[in-house]
Amino acid sequence: MLKIQEIREIIKLIDHSSIEKFSFESEGTKIVLKKSSASKTVKTLVETEPTVQVEVAEVRAATVEPVEVKKEAPIAPAAVELVEDPTLHKITSPMVGTFYSASSPEVAAFVQQGDKVNTESIVCIVEAMKLFNEIEAEVTGEIVEILVKDGQLVEYGQPLFLVKTN
């Protein structure tokens, strides 16, 4: 089951996106998030067997309301499922701090999508307590996706880049 902090992070992501409805189901637990764009309301439901409704604390401007549960026949899994690619390596943040894609605003980013990296390639800087820590790729491959924006706060262990390994 998801922890309350993980649910809050999902709510924040949905609040900052154009997604109107999000559903997640795992091991008998179902979460449904609905966003009403007119009133900035996020509705949250956490369902387990038997049905339990949990209200999640207010996050920023969003208000949280329980959602009515209707028992329906199980739905076949979607044709498209997210499958984690074993050839993709996640470069994660080794600390809490601020992500910077370049050493200064005037210079180009260390890496961009499609760039080749090796184990010693510097991919970004994470600033923590006024110390600028260079983060290395630690693998050889190609940058497939940059998962954070320049200047964004990052958490310990948060994925920063996806690298297709050779």
C-alpha atoms as a PDB file:
ATOM      1  CA  MET A   1       0.000   0.000   0.000  1.00  0.00           C
ATOM      2  CA  LEU A   2       1.169   3.523  -0.726  1.00  0.00           C
ATOM      3  CA  LYS A   3       2.389   5.700   2.107  1.00  0.00           C
ATOM      4  CA  ILE A   4       0.611   8.979   2.780  1.00  0.00           C
ATOM      5  CA  GLN A   5       3.691  10.931   1.579  1.00  0.00           C
ATOM      6  CA  GLU A   6       3.587   9.061  -1.752  1.00  0.00           C
ATOM      7  CA  ILE A   7      -0.119   9.900  -2.115  1.00  0.00           C
ATOM      8  CA  ARG A   8       0.661  13.565  -1.414  1.00  0.00           C
ATOM      9  CA  GLU A   9       3.365  13.533  -4.115  1.00  0.00           C
ATOM     10  CA  ILE A  10       0.894  12.037  -6.598  1.00  0.00           C
ATOM     11  CA  ILE A  11      -1.636  14.743  -5.696  1.00  0.00           C
ATOM     12  CA  LYS A  12       1.009  17.448  -6.285  1.00  0.00           C
ATOM     13  CA  LEU A  13       1.950  15.965  -9.666  1.00  0.00           C
ATOM     14  CA  ILE A  14      -1.686  15.784 -10.760  1.00  0.00           C
ATOM     15  CA  ASP A  15      -2.365  19.279  -9.432  1.00  0.00           C
ATOM     16  CA  HIS A  16       0.438  20.664 -11.637  1.00  0.00           C
ATOM     17  CA  SER A  17      -0.564  18.676 -14.728  1.00  0.00           C
ATOM     18  CA  SER A  18      -3.498  18.680 -17.137  1.00  0.00           C
ATOM     19  CA  ILE A  19      -4.620  15.221 -15.981  1.00  0.00           C
ATOM     20  CA  GLU A  20      -8.253  15.279 -14.865  1.00  0.00           C
ATOM     21  CA  LYS A  21      -8.514  11.725 -13.485  1.00  0.00           C
ATOM     22  CA  PHE A  22      -5.921   9.242 -12.189  1.00  0.00           C
ATOM     23  CA  SER A  23      -6.532   5.651 -11.069  1.00  0.00           C
ATOM     24  CA  PHE A  24      -4.064   3.257  -9.442  1.00  0.00           C
ATOM     25  CA  GLU A  25      -4.722  -0.292  -8.262  1.00  0.00           C
ATOM     26  CA  SER A  26      -2.288  -2.660  -6.581  1.00  0.00           C
ATOM     27  CA  GLU A  27      -2.694  -5.643  -4.252  1.00  0.00           C
ATOM     28  CA  GLY A  28      -6.369  -5.002  -3.440  1.00  0.00           C
ATOM     29  CA  THR A  29      -5.852  -1.254  -2.919  1.00  0.00           C
ATOM     30  CA  LYS A  30      -7.369   1.232  -5.333  1.00  0.00           C
ATOM     31  CA  ILE A  31      -6.710   4.980  -5.494  1.00  0.00           C
ATOM     32  CA  VAL A  32      -8.794   7.294  -7.667  1.00  0.00           C
ATOM     33  CA  LEU A  33      -7.896  10.982  -7.987  1.00  0.00           C
ATOM     34  CA  LYS A  34     -10.218  13.382  -9.809  1.00  0.00           C
ATOM     35  CA  LYS A  35      -9.437  17.030 -10.444  1.00  0.00           C
ATOM     36  CA  SER A  36     -12.109  19.614 -11.060  1.00  0.00           C
ATOM     37  CA  SER A  37     -10.499  22.467 -12.976  1.00  0.00           C
ATOM     38  CA  ALA A  38     -13.233  25.003 -12.158  1.00  0.00           C
ATOM     39  CA  SER A  39     -12.922  24.789  -8.370  1.00  0.00           C
ATOM     40  CA  LYS A  40      -9.381  23.341  -8.122  1.00  0.00           C
ATOM     41  CA  THR A  41     -10.653  20.328  -6.185  1.00  0.00           C
ATOM     42  CA  VAL A  42      -8.798  17.046  -6.029  1.00  0.00           C
ATOM     43  CA  LYS A  43     -10.916  14.098  -4.946  1.00  0.00           C
ATOM     44  CA  THR A  44      -9.094  11.153  -3.442  1.00  0.00           C
ATOM     45  CA  LEU A  45     -10.218   7.631  -2.673  1.00  0.00           C
ATOM     46  CA  VAL A  46      -8.205   4.870  -1.126  1.00  0.00           C
ATOM     47  CA  GLU A  47     -10.084   1.576  -1.333  1.00  0.00           C
ATOM     48  CA  THR A  48      -9.091  -1.756   0.160  1.00  0.00           C
ATOM     49  CA  GLU A  49     -11.110  -4.885   0.878  1.00  0.00           C
ATOM     50  CA  PRO A  50     -13.447  -4.179   2.664  1.00  0.00           C
ATOM     51  CA  THR A  51     -14.051  -0.632   1.401  1.00  0.00           C
ATOM     52  CA  VAL A  52     -12.238   2.047   3.401  1.00  0.00           C
ATOM     53  CA  GLN A  53     -12.264   5.724   2.595  1.00  0.00           C
ATOM     54  CA  VAL A  54      -9.359   7.897   3.679  1.00  0.00           C
ATOM     55  CA  GLU A  55      -9.289  11.659   3.479  1.00  0.00           C
ATOM     56  CA  VAL A  56      -5.876  13.068   2.641  1.00  0.00           C
ATOM     57  CA  ALA A  57      -4.738  16.338   4.226  1.00  0.00           C
ATOM     58  CA  GLU A  58      -5.072  19.567   2.251  1.00  0.00           C
ATOM     59  CA  VAL A  59      -2.252  20.141  -0.242  1.00  0.00           C
ATOM     60  CA  ARG A  60      -1.689  23.741  -1.382  1.00  0.00           C
ATOM     61  CA  ALA A  61      -4.887  25.145  -2.945  1.00  0.00           C
ATOM     62  CA  ALA A  62      -6.444  21.731  -3.469  1.00  0.00           C
ATOM     63  CA  THR A  63      -9.227  20.477  -1.239  1.00  0.00           C
ATOM     64  CA  VAL A  64      -9.766  16.803  -0.639  1.00  0.00           C
ATOM     65  CA  GLU A  65     -13.156  15.118  -0.648  1.00  0.00           C
ATOM     66  CA  PRO A  66     -14.063  11.442  -0.365  1.00  0.00           C
ATOM     67  CA  VAL A  67     -15.396   9.838  -3.543  1.00  0.00           C
ATOM     68  CA  GLU A  68     -18.414   7.550  -3.650  1.00  0.00           C
ATOM     69  CA  VAL A  69     -17.384   3.948  -4.312  1.00  0.00           C
ATOM     70  CA  LYS A  70     -19.332   1.781  -6.738  1.00  0.00           C
ATOM     71  CA  LYS A  71     -18.480  -1.911  -6.888  1.00  0.00           C
ATOM     72  CA  GLU A  72     -18.143  -3.029 -10.483  1.00  0.00           C
ATOM     73  CA  ALA A  73     -17.028  -6.167 -12.211  1.00  0.00           C
ATOM     74  CA  PRO A  74     -13.247  -6.343 -12.639  1.00  0.00           C
ATOM     75  CA  ILE A  75     -12.056  -4.611 -15.782  1.00  0.00           C
ATOM     76  CA  ALA A  76      -9.516  -6.299 -18.014  1.00  0.00           C
ATOM     77  CA  PRO A  77      -6.062  -4.693 -17.800  1.00  0.00           C
ATOM     78  CA  ALA A  78      -5.406  -1.907 -20.255  1.00  0.00           C
ATOM     79  CA  ALA A  79      -3.799  -2.886 -23.528  1.00  0.00           C
ATOM     80  CA  VAL A  80      -0.889  -0.580 -22.791  1.00  0.00           C
ATOM     81  CA  GLU A  81       0.913  -1.118 -19.508  1.00  0.00           C
ATOM     82  CA  LEU A  82       4.020   0.610 -18.258  1.00  0.00           C
ATOM     83  CA  VAL A  83       6.782  -1.960 -18.263  1.00  0.00           C
ATOM     84  CA  GLU A  84      10.081  -0.970 -16.746  1.00  0.00           C
ATOM     85  CA  ASP A  85      12.755  -1.413 -19.389  1.00  0.00           C
ATOM     86  CA  PRO A  86      15.712  -3.358 -17.955  1.00  0.00           C
ATOM     87  CA  THR A  87      18.077  -1.537 -20.344  1.00  0.00           C
ATOM     88  CA  LEU A  88      17.192   1.813 -18.728  1.00  0.00           C
ATOM     89  CA  HIS A  89      19.291   2.897 -15.754  1.00  0.00           C
ATOM     90  CA  LYS A  90      17.998   5.593 -13.387  1.00  0.00           C
ATOM     91  CA  ILE A  91      20.534   8.167 -12.262  1.00  0.00           C
ATOM     92  CA  THR A  92      19.207   9.225  -8.858  1.00  0.00           C
ATOM     93  CA  SER A  93      19.948  12.127  -6.571  1.00  0.00           C
ATOM     94  CA  PRO A  94      22.346  11.154  -3.791  1.00  0.00           C
ATOM     95  CA  MET A  95      21.009  13.950  -1.577  1.00  0.00           C
ATOM     96  CA  VAL A  96      18.272  16.497  -1.006  1.00  0.00           C
ATOM     97  CA  GLY A  97      19.036  19.739  -2.831  1.00  0.00           C
ATOM     98  CA  THR A  98      18.512  21.881  -5.917  1.00  0.00           C
ATOM     99  CA  PHE A  99      19.084  20.364  -9.378  1.00  0.00           C
ATOM    100  CA  TYR A 100      21.146  22.362 -11.873  1.00  0.00           C
ATOM    101  CA  SER A 101      21.700  21.146 -15.439  1.00  0.00           C
ATOM    102  CA  ALA A 102      24.734  23.421 -15.978  1.00  0.00           C
ATOM    103  CA  SER A 103      27.553  24.922 -13.924  1.00  0.00           C
ATOM    104  CA  SER A 104      26.175  28.443 -14.540  1.00  0.00           C
ATOM    105  CA  PRO A 105      23.251  30.008 -16.415  1.00  0.00           C
ATOM    106  CA  GLU A 106      25.543  31.262 -19.207  1.00  0.00           C
ATOM    107  CA  VAL A 107      26.868  27.835 -20.252  1.00  0.00           C
ATOM    108  CA  ALA A 108      25.232  24.859 -21.947  1.00  0.00           C
ATOM    109  CA  ALA A 109      23.786  21.980 -19.935  1.00  0.00           C
ATOM    110  CA  PHE A 110      26.129  19.134 -19.007  1.00  0.00           C
ATOM    111  CA  VAL A 111      23.940  16.688 -20.951  1.00  0.00           C
ATOM    112  CA  GLN A 112      20.821  16.759 -23.083  1.00  0.00           C
ATOM    113  CA  GLN A 113      18.473  14.065 -24.281  1.00  0.00           C
ATOM    114  CA  GLY A 114      20.295  11.865 -26.796  1.00  0.00           C
ATOM    115  CA  ASP A 115      23.790  12.618 -25.466  1.00  0.00           C
ATOM    116  CA  LYS A 116      26.210   9.735 -24.902  1.00  0.00           C
ATOM    117  CA  VAL A 117      27.689   9.418 -21.399  1.00  0.00           C
ATOM    118  CA  ASN A 118      30.272   7.211 -19.729  1.00  0.00           C
ATOM    119  CA  THR A 119      30.827   6.263 -16.103  1.00  0.00           C
ATOM    120  CA  GLU A 120      32.720   9.482 -15.318  1.00  0.00           C
ATOM    121  CA  SER A 121      30.541  11.931 -17.278  1.00  0.00           C
ATOM    122  CA  ILE A 122      29.137  14.748 -15.149  1.00  0.00           C
ATOM    123  CA  VAL A 123      25.402  14.957 -15.833  1.00  0.00           C
ATOM    124  CA  CYS A 124      24.314  17.681 -13.389  1.00  0.00           C
ATOM    125  CA  ILE A 125      24.953  19.502 -10.129  1.00  0.00           C
ATOM    126  CA  VAL A 126      22.910  19.135  -6.948  1.00  0.00           C
ATOM    127  CA  GLU A 127      23.349  22.041  -4.540  1.00  0.00           C
ATOM    128  CA  ALA A 128      22.970  21.185  -0.877  1.00  0.00           C
ATOM    129  CA  MET A 129      23.772  23.647   1.913  1.00  0.00           C
ATOM    130  CA  LYS A 130      25.710  25.976  -0.451  1.00  0.00           C
ATOM    131  CA  LEU A 131      27.872  23.071  -1.686  1.00  0.00           C
ATOM    132  CA  PHE A 132      27.691  22.251  -5.393  1.00  0.00           C
ATOM    133  CA  ASN A 133      27.980  18.470  -5.857  1.00  0.00           C
ATOM    134  CA  GLU A 134      28.774  17.164  -9.338  1.00  0.00           C
ATOM    135  CA  ILE A 135      26.733  14.045 -10.155  1.00  0.00           C
ATOM    136  CA  GLU A 136      28.328  11.448 -12.444  1.00  0.00           C
ATOM    137  CA  ALA A 137      26.455   9.084 -14.769  1.00  0.00           C
ATOM    138  CA  GLU A 138      28.093   5.956 -13.254  1.00  0.00           C
ATOM    139  CA  VAL A 139      27.057   3.995 -16.389  1.00  0.00           C
ATOM    140  CA  THR A 140      27.882   4.070 -20.082  1.00  0.00           C
ATOM    141  CA  GLY A 141      24.974   4.762 -22.402  1.00  0.00           C
ATOM    142  CA  GLU A 142      22.669   7.385 -23.891  1.00  0.00           C
ATOM    143  CA  ILE A 143      20.506   9.904 -22.018  1.00  0.00           C
ATOM    144  CA  VAL A 144      16.932   8.915 -22.889  1.00  0.00           C
ATOM    145  CA  GLU A 145      15.046  11.309 -20.636  1.00  0.00           C
ATOM    146  CA  ILE A 146      15.730  14.158 -18.211  1.00  0.00           C
ATOM    147  CA  LEU A 147      13.175  13.774 -15.420  1.00  0.00           C
ATOM    148  CA  VAL A 148      13.624  17.107 -13.583  1.00  0.00           C
ATOM    149  CA  LYS A 149      13.783  20.765 -14.544  1.00  0.00           C
ATOM    150  CA  ASP A 150      16.647  23.154 -13.914  1.00  0.00           C
ATOM    151  CA  GLY A 151      16.342  24.763 -10.468  1.00  0.00           C
ATOM    152  CA  GLN A 152      13.914  22.109  -9.195  1.00  0.00           C
ATOM    153  CA  LEU A 153      14.222  20.790  -5.643  1.00  0.00           C
ATOM    154  CA  VAL A 154      15.054  17.086  -5.582  1.00  0.00           C
ATOM    155  CA  GLU A 155      14.806  14.450  -2.864  1.00  0.00           C
ATOM    156  CA  TYR A 156      17.284  11.760  -1.873  1.00  0.00           C
ATOM    157  CA  GLY A 157      16.928   8.828  -4.281  1.00  0.00           C
ATOM    158  CA  GLN A 158      14.727  10.762  -6.733  1.00  0.00           C
ATOM    159  CA  PRO A 159      15.366   9.708 -10.350  1.00  0.00           C
ATOM    160  CA  LEU A 160      16.993  12.523 -12.345  1.00  0.00           C
ATOM    161  CA  PHE A 161      17.837  10.871 -15.672  1.00  0.00           C
ATOM    162  CA  LEU A 162      17.027   7.696 -17.592  1.00  0.00           C
ATOM    163  CA  VAL A 163      20.026   6.231 -19.428  1.00  0.00           C
ATOM    164  CA  LYS A 164      19.808   3.467 -22.026  1.00  0.00           C
ATOM    165  CA  THR A 165      22.781   1.298 -21.162  1.00  0.00           C
ATOM    166  CA  ASN A 166      24.900  -0.421 -23.790  1.00  0.00           C
END
